[in-house]
Amino acid sequence: NNKNLGAGESRNIGIKFSKGSYIAFIDSDDEWHINKLEKQISFMNKNNFLISHTSYNIINFEDKIIGRRTAKTLSHEELIKSCDIGLSSVMIKKDLFDDKTRFTKLTTKEDYVLWLKLSMFR
């Protein structure tokens, strides 16, 4: 971008120009396991899922694991109470995105708002 549009709008632009069937996210301070994408796509295809997220470790500046979030199926009601979905663990079929289903322009929690929106369609 020529100017800072924020994370949400930058992600929307990336999604718009993407050419694949799936969208996966990774923040600059995160890292994926080597075969994450292949395993997640295989899991989604096998189970006919349009969106998924994975478990992830919380690592400090010394590369020590200090916590873990375990992925589980969440209802909309559960998700309203708390969001432990890490953006960098999410994969979504690109077809789910449109003018109404996109990241908001909020400066924080824009991903959480999208997860809430998507969870209403289950």
N, C-alpha and C. Protein backbone atom coordinates (compact mmCIF):
# COMPACT_ATOMS: atom_id res chain seq x y z
N ASN A 1 0.83 -1.18 0.00
CA ASN A 1 0.00 0.00 0.00
C ASN A 1 0.88 1.25 0.00
N ASN A 2 0.39 2.28 -0.60
CA ASN A 2 1.13 3.55 -0.60
C ASN A 2 1.06 4.23 0.76
N LYS A 3 0.02 3.93 1.52
CA LYS A 3 -0.09 4.47 2.88
C LYS A 3 -0.61 3.36 3.78
N ASN A 4 -0.48 3.54 5.07
CA ASN A 4 -0.91 2.54 6.04
C ASN A 4 -2.44 2.49 6.09
N LEU A 5 -2.98 1.37 5.64
CA LEU A 5 -4.43 1.19 5.65
C LEU A 5 -4.90 0.37 6.83
N GLY A 6 -3.97 -0.14 7.61
CA GLY A 6 -4.31 -1.02 8.72
C GLY A 6 -4.33 -2.47 8.27
N ALA A 7 -4.31 -3.36 9.24
CA ALA A 7 -4.22 -4.79 8.95
C ALA A 7 -5.44 -5.30 8.19
N GLY A 8 -6.63 -4.94 8.64
CA GLY A 8 -7.85 -5.45 8.03
C GLY A 8 -7.98 -5.10 6.56
N GLU A 9 -7.82 -3.84 6.24
CA GLU A 9 -7.96 -3.41 4.85
C GLU A 9 -6.83 -3.96 3.99
N SER A 10 -5.63 -4.06 4.55
CA SER A 10 -4.51 -4.67 3.81
C SER A 10 -4.79 -6.13 3.50
N ARG A 11 -5.38 -6.84 4.46
CA ARG A 11 -5.74 -8.25 4.21
C ARG A 11 -6.82 -8.33 3.13
N ASN A 12 -7.79 -7.44 3.16
CA ASN A 12 -8.84 -7.44 2.13
C ASN A 12 -8.25 -7.26 0.73
N ILE A 13 -7.27 -6.38 0.61
CA ILE A 13 -6.62 -6.15 -0.68
C ILE A 13 -5.87 -7.42 -1.12
N GLY A 14 -5.15 -8.03 -0.18
CA GLY A 14 -4.44 -9.27 -0.49
C GLY A 14 -5.39 -10.37 -0.95
N ILE A 15 -6.52 -10.49 -0.28
CA ILE A 15 -7.53 -11.50 -0.65
C ILE A 15 -8.06 -11.21 -2.05
N LYS A 16 -8.34 -9.95 -2.33
CA LYS A 16 -8.87 -9.56 -3.64
C LYS A 16 -7.94 -9.98 -4.77
N PHE A 17 -6.64 -9.83 -4.58
CA PHE A 17 -5.67 -10.13 -5.64
C PHE A 17 -5.16 -11.57 -5.61
N SER A 18 -5.56 -12.34 -4.61
CA SER A 18 -5.09 -13.72 -4.51
C SER A 18 -5.69 -14.56 -5.63
N LYS A 19 -4.98 -15.62 -6.00
CA LYS A 19 -5.43 -16.46 -7.11
C LYS A 19 -5.81 -17.87 -6.68
N GLY A 20 -5.52 -18.24 -5.45
CA GLY A 20 -5.78 -19.59 -4.98
C GLY A 20 -7.21 -19.78 -4.51
N SER A 21 -7.53 -21.02 -4.18
CA SER A 21 -8.86 -21.37 -3.67
C SER A 21 -8.97 -21.16 -2.17
N TYR A 22 -7.83 -21.13 -1.49
CA TYR A 22 -7.79 -20.99 -0.03
C TYR A 22 -7.02 -19.74 0.34
N ILE A 23 -7.41 -19.16 1.46
CA ILE A 23 -6.70 -18.01 2.02
C ILE A 23 -6.17 -18.42 3.38
N ALA A 24 -4.88 -18.22 3.60
CA ALA A 24 -4.25 -18.48 4.90
C ALA A 24 -3.52 -17.21 5.31
N PHE A 25 -3.42 -17.00 6.59
CA PHE A 25 -2.84 -15.77 7.12
C PHE A 25 -1.62 -16.09 7.97
N ILE A 26 -0.64 -15.19 7.93
CA ILE A 26 0.49 -15.30 8.86
C ILE A 26 0.98 -13.89 9.18
N ASP A 27 1.01 -13.59 10.46
CA ASP A 27 1.53 -12.30 10.91
C ASP A 27 3.05 -12.37 10.95
N SER A 28 3.69 -11.22 10.90
CA SER A 28 5.15 -11.15 10.81
C SER A 28 5.85 -11.71 12.04
N ASP A 29 5.17 -11.77 13.17
CA ASP A 29 5.81 -12.30 14.39
C ASP A 29 5.40 -13.75 14.66
N ASP A 30 4.80 -14.41 13.69
CA ASP A 30 4.37 -15.81 13.84
C ASP A 30 5.16 -16.69 12.88
N GLU A 31 5.11 -17.99 13.13
CA GLU A 31 5.71 -18.95 12.20
C GLU A 31 4.84 -20.20 12.14
N TRP A 32 4.85 -20.85 10.99
CA TRP A 32 4.09 -22.07 10.77
C TRP A 32 5.00 -23.29 10.85
N HIS A 33 4.41 -24.43 11.20
CA HIS A 33 5.12 -25.70 11.04
C HIS A 33 5.31 -25.93 9.54
N ILE A 34 6.30 -26.70 9.19
CA ILE A 34 6.69 -26.89 7.79
C ILE A 34 5.52 -27.33 6.89
N ASN A 35 4.75 -28.31 7.29
CA ASN A 35 3.68 -28.85 6.44
C ASN A 35 2.29 -28.35 6.80
N LYS A 36 2.19 -27.23 7.49
CA LYS A 36 0.90 -26.73 7.95
C LYS A 36 -0.11 -26.59 6.82
N LEU A 37 0.26 -25.94 5.76
CA LEU A 37 -0.69 -25.67 4.68
C LEU A 37 -1.22 -26.95 4.04
N GLU A 38 -0.31 -27.87 3.71
CA GLU A 38 -0.73 -29.13 3.09
C GLU A 38 -1.65 -29.93 4.02
N LYS A 39 -1.28 -30.01 5.30
CA LYS A 39 -2.11 -30.76 6.25
C LYS A 39 -3.47 -30.12 6.44
N GLN A 40 -3.50 -28.80 6.51
CA GLN A 40 -4.77 -28.12 6.75
C GLN A 40 -5.69 -28.22 5.54
N ILE A 41 -5.15 -28.07 4.34
CA ILE A 41 -5.97 -28.23 3.13
C ILE A 41 -6.50 -29.65 3.04
N SER A 42 -5.67 -30.63 3.32
CA SER A 42 -6.10 -32.03 3.30
C SER A 42 -7.23 -32.26 4.30
N PHE A 43 -7.07 -31.74 5.52
CA PHE A 43 -8.09 -31.86 6.56
C PHE A 43 -9.41 -31.22 6.11
N MET A 44 -9.31 -30.03 5.54
CA MET A 44 -10.52 -29.32 5.11
C MET A 44 -11.22 -30.07 3.98
N ASN A 45 -10.46 -30.56 3.02
CA ASN A 45 -11.05 -31.32 1.90
C ASN A 45 -11.70 -32.60 2.39
N LYS A 46 -11.02 -33.33 3.26
CA LYS A 46 -11.52 -34.60 3.79
C LYS A 46 -12.84 -34.40 4.54
N ASN A 47 -12.96 -33.30 5.27
CA ASN A 47 -14.14 -33.04 6.10
C ASN A 47 -15.13 -32.06 5.45
N ASN A 48 -14.82 -31.63 4.24
CA ASN A 48 -15.68 -30.69 3.53
C ASN A 48 -15.90 -29.39 4.32
N PHE A 49 -14.84 -28.86 4.91
CA PHE A 49 -14.91 -27.62 5.69
C PHE A 49 -14.56 -26.43 4.80
N LEU A 50 -15.22 -25.32 5.04
CA LEU A 50 -14.93 -24.08 4.33
C LEU A 50 -13.95 -23.19 5.09
N ILE A 51 -13.83 -23.44 6.39
CA ILE A 51 -12.94 -22.66 7.25
C ILE A 51 -12.42 -23.57 8.35
N SER A 52 -11.19 -23.34 8.75
CA SER A 52 -10.63 -24.11 9.86
C SER A 52 -9.55 -23.28 10.56
N HIS A 53 -9.26 -23.68 11.77
CA HIS A 53 -8.13 -23.08 12.50
C HIS A 53 -7.43 -24.22 13.22
N THR A 54 -6.19 -23.98 13.62
CA THR A 54 -5.39 -25.01 14.25
C THR A 54 -5.01 -24.61 15.66
N SER A 55 -4.52 -25.58 16.38
CA SER A 55 -3.92 -25.29 17.69
C SER A 55 -2.63 -24.51 17.43
N TYR A 56 -2.16 -23.81 18.46
CA TYR A 56 -0.89 -23.10 18.30
C TYR A 56 -0.23 -22.88 19.66
N ASN A 57 1.08 -22.73 19.60
CA ASN A 57 1.87 -22.45 20.80
C ASN A 57 2.10 -20.95 20.93
N ILE A 58 2.19 -20.49 22.15
CA ILE A 58 2.57 -19.11 22.44
C ILE A 58 4.03 -19.15 22.86
N ILE A 59 4.86 -18.42 22.14
CA ILE A 59 6.31 -18.47 22.35
C ILE A 59 6.82 -17.09 22.75
N ASN A 60 7.70 -17.06 23.75
CA ASN A 60 8.24 -15.76 24.19
C ASN A 60 9.43 -15.35 23.32
N PHE A 61 10.06 -14.23 23.68
CA PHE A 61 11.18 -13.70 22.90
C PHE A 61 12.42 -14.59 22.96
N GLU A 62 12.44 -15.53 23.86
CA GLU A 62 13.57 -16.46 23.98
C GLU A 62 13.25 -17.79 23.30
N ASP A 63 12.20 -17.83 22.49
CA ASP A 63 11.74 -19.04 21.78
C ASP A 63 11.33 -20.17 22.71
N LYS A 64 10.86 -19.83 23.89
CA LYS A 64 10.35 -20.84 24.82
C LYS A 64 8.83 -20.84 24.77
N ILE A 65 8.26 -22.04 24.74
CA ILE A 65 6.81 -22.17 24.73
C ILE A 65 6.29 -21.81 26.13
N ILE A 66 5.41 -20.81 26.18
CA ILE A 66 4.88 -20.37 27.47
C ILE A 66 3.37 -20.61 27.57
N GLY A 67 2.78 -21.13 26.50
CA GLY A 67 1.35 -21.41 26.52
C GLY A 67 0.94 -22.14 25.26
N ARG A 68 -0.28 -22.65 25.27
CA ARG A 68 -0.80 -23.37 24.10
C ARG A 68 -2.31 -23.15 24.02
N ARG A 69 -2.79 -22.90 22.83
CA ARG A 69 -4.22 -22.81 22.55
C ARG A 69 -4.57 -24.02 21.70
N THR A 70 -5.56 -24.77 22.14
CA THR A 70 -5.97 -25.98 21.43
C THR A 70 -7.22 -25.68 20.61
N ALA A 71 -7.16 -25.99 19.33
CA ALA A 71 -8.29 -25.75 18.43
C ALA A 71 -9.45 -26.66 18.79
N LYS A 72 -10.65 -26.10 18.68
CA LYS A 72 -11.86 -26.88 18.88
C LYS A 72 -12.97 -26.24 18.07
N THR A 73 -14.00 -27.01 17.81
CA THR A 73 -15.17 -26.49 17.12
C THR A 73 -15.90 -25.54 18.06
N LEU A 74 -16.20 -24.36 17.57
CA LEU A 74 -16.85 -23.33 18.39
C LEU A 74 -18.17 -22.91 17.79
N SER A 75 -19.20 -22.85 18.60
CA SER A 75 -20.47 -22.28 18.16
C SER A 75 -20.36 -20.76 18.22
N HIS A 76 -21.30 -20.08 17.59
CA HIS A 76 -21.32 -18.62 17.64
C HIS A 76 -21.42 -18.15 19.09
N GLU A 77 -22.26 -18.83 19.89
CA GLU A 77 -22.45 -18.44 21.29
C GLU A 77 -21.15 -18.59 22.09
N GLU A 78 -20.38 -19.64 21.82
CA GLU A 78 -19.10 -19.83 22.52
C GLU A 78 -18.09 -18.78 22.08
N LEU A 79 -18.08 -18.48 20.79
CA LEU A 79 -17.13 -17.52 20.25
C LEU A 79 -17.37 -16.12 20.78
N ILE A 80 -18.64 -15.77 21.04
CA ILE A 80 -18.95 -14.44 21.59
C ILE A 80 -18.27 -14.25 22.94
N LYS A 81 -18.17 -15.32 23.73
CA LYS A 81 -17.61 -15.23 25.08
C LYS A 81 -16.10 -15.05 25.09
N SER A 82 -15.41 -15.64 24.11
CA SER A 82 -13.95 -15.59 24.10
C SER A 82 -13.43 -16.04 22.74
N CYS A 83 -12.33 -15.49 22.33
CA CYS A 83 -11.73 -15.88 21.05
C CYS A 83 -10.28 -16.29 21.25
N ASP A 84 -10.03 -17.59 21.13
CA ASP A 84 -8.67 -18.10 21.19
C ASP A 84 -8.20 -18.54 19.81
N ILE A 85 -8.87 -18.06 18.76
CA ILE A 85 -8.48 -18.40 17.40
C ILE A 85 -7.34 -17.48 16.99
N GLY A 86 -6.19 -18.06 16.73
CA GLY A 86 -5.05 -17.28 16.27
C GLY A 86 -5.15 -17.03 14.78
N LEU A 87 -5.03 -15.79 14.36
CA LEU A 87 -5.15 -15.43 12.95
C LEU A 87 -4.25 -16.31 12.08
N SER A 88 -3.03 -16.52 12.51
CA SER A 88 -2.07 -17.27 11.70
C SER A 88 -2.36 -18.77 11.64
N SER A 89 -3.40 -19.21 12.34
CA SER A 89 -3.79 -20.61 12.28
C SER A 89 -4.99 -20.83 11.35
N VAL A 90 -5.58 -19.75 10.86
CA VAL A 90 -6.83 -19.83 10.10
C VAL A 90 -6.58 -20.05 8.61
N MET A 91 -7.46 -20.89 8.02
CA MET A 91 -7.52 -21.06 6.57
C MET A 91 -8.99 -21.02 6.17
N ILE A 92 -9.28 -20.29 5.10
CA ILE A 92 -10.66 -20.07 4.65
C ILE A 92 -10.73 -20.27 3.13
N LYS A 93 -11.81 -20.89 2.67
CA LYS A 93 -12.05 -20.96 1.23
C LYS A 93 -12.29 -19.53 0.74
N LYS A 94 -11.63 -19.18 -0.33
CA LYS A 94 -11.71 -17.81 -0.84
C LYS A 94 -13.14 -17.39 -1.19
N ASP A 95 -13.98 -18.36 -1.63
CA ASP A 95 -15.36 -18.03 -2.03
C ASP A 95 -16.19 -17.43 -0.90
N LEU A 96 -15.77 -17.59 0.35
CA LEU A 96 -16.54 -17.04 1.47
C LEU A 96 -16.45 -15.52 1.56
N PHE A 97 -15.43 -14.96 0.92
CA PHE A 97 -15.24 -13.51 0.99
C PHE A 97 -16.06 -12.81 -0.09
N ASP A 98 -16.73 -11.74 0.30
CA ASP A 98 -17.45 -10.87 -0.63
C ASP A 98 -17.50 -9.47 -0.02
N ASP A 99 -18.33 -8.61 -0.56
CA ASP A 99 -18.40 -7.22 -0.06
C ASP A 99 -18.86 -7.13 1.39
N LYS A 100 -19.65 -8.11 1.85
CA LYS A 100 -20.15 -8.09 3.23
C LYS A 100 -19.30 -8.93 4.17
N THR A 101 -18.64 -9.92 3.62
CA THR A 101 -17.80 -10.81 4.44
C THR A 101 -16.35 -10.47 4.16
N ARG A 102 -15.81 -9.62 5.00
CA ARG A 102 -14.44 -9.13 4.86
C ARG A 102 -13.97 -8.58 6.19
N PHE A 103 -12.70 -8.28 6.29
CA PHE A 103 -12.17 -7.67 7.50
C PHE A 103 -12.66 -6.23 7.62
N THR A 104 -12.94 -5.82 8.85
CA THR A 104 -13.38 -4.44 9.08
C THR A 104 -12.17 -3.52 9.13
N LYS A 105 -12.42 -2.24 9.24
CA LYS A 105 -11.35 -1.25 9.31
C LYS A 105 -10.95 -0.94 10.75
N LEU A 106 -11.38 -1.76 11.70
CA LEU A 106 -10.99 -1.55 13.09
C LEU A 106 -9.47 -1.64 13.22
N THR A 107 -8.92 -0.98 14.22
CA THR A 107 -7.47 -1.03 14.41
C THR A 107 -7.04 -2.24 15.24
N THR A 108 -7.99 -2.90 15.87
CA THR A 108 -7.69 -4.11 16.64
C THR A 108 -8.90 -5.03 16.60
N LYS A 109 -8.66 -6.31 16.73
CA LYS A 109 -9.71 -7.34 16.78
C LYS A 109 -10.52 -7.45 15.49
N GLU A 110 -9.97 -6.94 14.37
CA GLU A 110 -10.70 -7.04 13.10
C GLU A 110 -10.89 -8.50 12.67
N ASP A 111 -9.96 -9.35 13.07
CA ASP A 111 -10.11 -10.77 12.75
C ASP A 111 -11.23 -11.40 13.57
N TYR A 112 -11.33 -11.05 14.84
CA TYR A 112 -12.37 -11.57 15.72
C TYR A 112 -13.76 -11.20 15.18
N VAL A 113 -13.91 -9.98 14.70
CA VAL A 113 -15.20 -9.55 14.13
C VAL A 113 -15.55 -10.42 12.93
N LEU A 114 -14.57 -10.74 12.09
CA LEU A 114 -14.83 -11.60 10.93
C LEU A 114 -15.20 -13.01 11.37
N TRP A 115 -14.51 -13.56 12.38
CA TRP A 115 -14.85 -14.91 12.85
C TRP A 115 -16.28 -14.94 13.38
N LEU A 116 -16.68 -13.90 14.10
CA LEU A 116 -18.05 -13.82 14.59
C LEU A 116 -19.06 -13.78 13.44
N LYS A 117 -18.76 -12.99 12.44
CA LYS A 117 -19.63 -12.90 11.27
C LYS A 117 -19.77 -14.27 10.59
N LEU A 118 -18.65 -14.91 10.36
CA LEU A 118 -18.66 -16.22 9.70
C LEU A 118 -19.35 -17.30 10.54
N SER A 119 -19.23 -17.20 11.85
CA SER A 119 -19.82 -18.22 12.71
C SER A 119 -21.36 -18.16 12.74
N MET A 120 -21.92 -17.05 12.33
CA MET A 120 -23.38 -16.92 12.30
C MET A 120 -24.00 -17.74 11.17
N PHE A 121 -23.19 -18.16 10.19
CA PHE A 121 -23.71 -18.89 9.04
C PHE A 121 -23.64 -20.40 9.20
N ARG A 122 -23.21 -20.88 10.35
CA ARG A 122 -23.07 -22.34 10.58
C ARG A 122 -24.41 -23.00 10.70
